[in-house]
């Protein structure tokens, strides 16, 4: 893998396309915006459903377990795994949009 002038390896260097400073800022802005949204979802599910809303959610059951307990033990983990796949998919689209895909 090739490295750029700062010594950082990356797909832009590997494909030969150099991004301008504005394109790099736009790319990272979009990346951080996506990351912020996904972390907000994870926080809401893990903290909100697993802690704050646990008592209210416990009136419902999932596979015989109270829903609040389920979110605290399993739901936030499942949500995190799903968010990983969403992040990978969205980043692939973002990379293509900026012409830096592998």
Foldseek 3Di string as FASTA:
>chain_A
DDADPVRHDALCVVVVHDDDPVLVVVLVVVLVVLVVVLVVVLCCQAPVLQPVCLVVQQVDDDPRGRRNPCSNPPVSVVSVVVSVVVSVVVNQVSCVVSVRHD
